[in-house]
């Protein structure tokens, strides 16, 4: 009987072979990669925005 790790290795190898045989749409791939590139390298993060995530400061009851 095969150990669990061997079965998982064979399963991963199967998906790698299936992926290698598949046809990749280069137009869609370029669009997706452009979106990821813009999101990870540009744009404003939540800490860089001028607006506060809180509408008004909380008042203390002291």
Protein backbone atom coordinates (compact mmCIF):
# COMPACT_ATOMS: atom_id res chain seq x y z
CA UNK A 1 0.00 0.00 0.00
CA UNK A 2 1.23 3.48 -0.89
CA UNK A 3 1.74 6.06 1.85
CA UNK A 4 -0.38 9.19 1.85
CA UNK A 5 2.55 11.43 0.82
CA UNK A 6 3.23 9.29 -2.26
CA UNK A 7 -0.40 9.58 -3.34
CA UNK A 8 -0.32 13.34 -2.93
CA UNK A 9 2.90 13.54 -4.93
CA UNK A 10 1.32 11.57 -7.76
CA UNK A 11 -1.74 13.81 -7.66
CA UNK A 12 0.37 16.96 -7.85
CA UNK A 13 2.35 15.46 -10.73
CA UNK A 14 -0.91 14.70 -12.54
CA UNK A 15 -2.08 18.31 -12.23
CA UNK A 16 1.30 19.61 -13.38
CA UNK A 17 1.11 17.42 -16.49
CA UNK A 18 -2.48 18.51 -17.16
CA UNK A 19 -1.51 22.17 -16.78
CA UNK A 20 1.50 21.75 -19.08
CA UNK A 21 -0.75 20.24 -21.75
CA UNK A 22 -3.41 22.93 -21.47
CA UNK A 23 -3.72 25.88 -23.82
CA UNK A 24 -3.24 29.24 -22.13
CA UNK A 25 -5.09 32.26 -23.53
CA UNK A 26 -2.28 34.80 -23.74
CA UNK A 27 -4.62 37.80 -24.05
CA UNK A 28 -6.43 36.95 -20.81
CA UNK A 29 -3.14 36.06 -19.12
CA UNK A 30 -1.67 39.46 -20.06
CA UNK A 31 -4.76 41.26 -18.75
CA UNK A 32 -4.67 39.40 -15.44
CA UNK A 33 -0.94 39.91 -15.02
CA UNK A 34 -1.35 43.65 -15.72
CA UNK A 35 -4.04 43.95 -13.04
CA UNK A 36 -1.91 42.11 -10.48
CA UNK A 37 1.13 44.20 -11.40
CA UNK A 38 -0.84 47.43 -10.87
CA UNK A 39 -2.33 46.27 -7.59
CA UNK A 40 0.94 45.07 -6.07
CA UNK A 41 3.19 47.89 -7.26
CA UNK A 42 0.95 50.94 -7.51
CA UNK A 43 -2.17 52.42 -6.12
CA UNK A 44 -2.82 53.76 -2.69
CA UNK A 45 -2.97 51.66 0.40
CA UNK A 46 -5.46 52.29 3.17
CA UNK A 47 -2.83 54.07 5.25
CA UNK A 48 -1.89 56.40 2.38
CA UNK A 49 -5.42 57.76 1.84
CA UNK A 50 -6.39 61.19 3.11
CA UNK A 51 -9.73 60.04 4.48
CA UNK A 52 -10.03 58.56 7.92
CA UNK A 53 -11.73 55.16 8.24
CA UNK A 54 -13.48 56.56 11.33
CA UNK A 55 -16.11 59.27 10.76
CA UNK A 56 -15.36 61.26 13.89
CA UNK A 57 -13.12 60.72 16.90
CA UNK A 58 -14.59 58.79 19.78
CA UNK A 59 -15.39 60.91 22.82
CA UNK A 60 -14.23 59.70 26.20
CA UNK A 61 -16.60 59.71 29.18
CA UNK A 62 -13.92 60.87 31.66
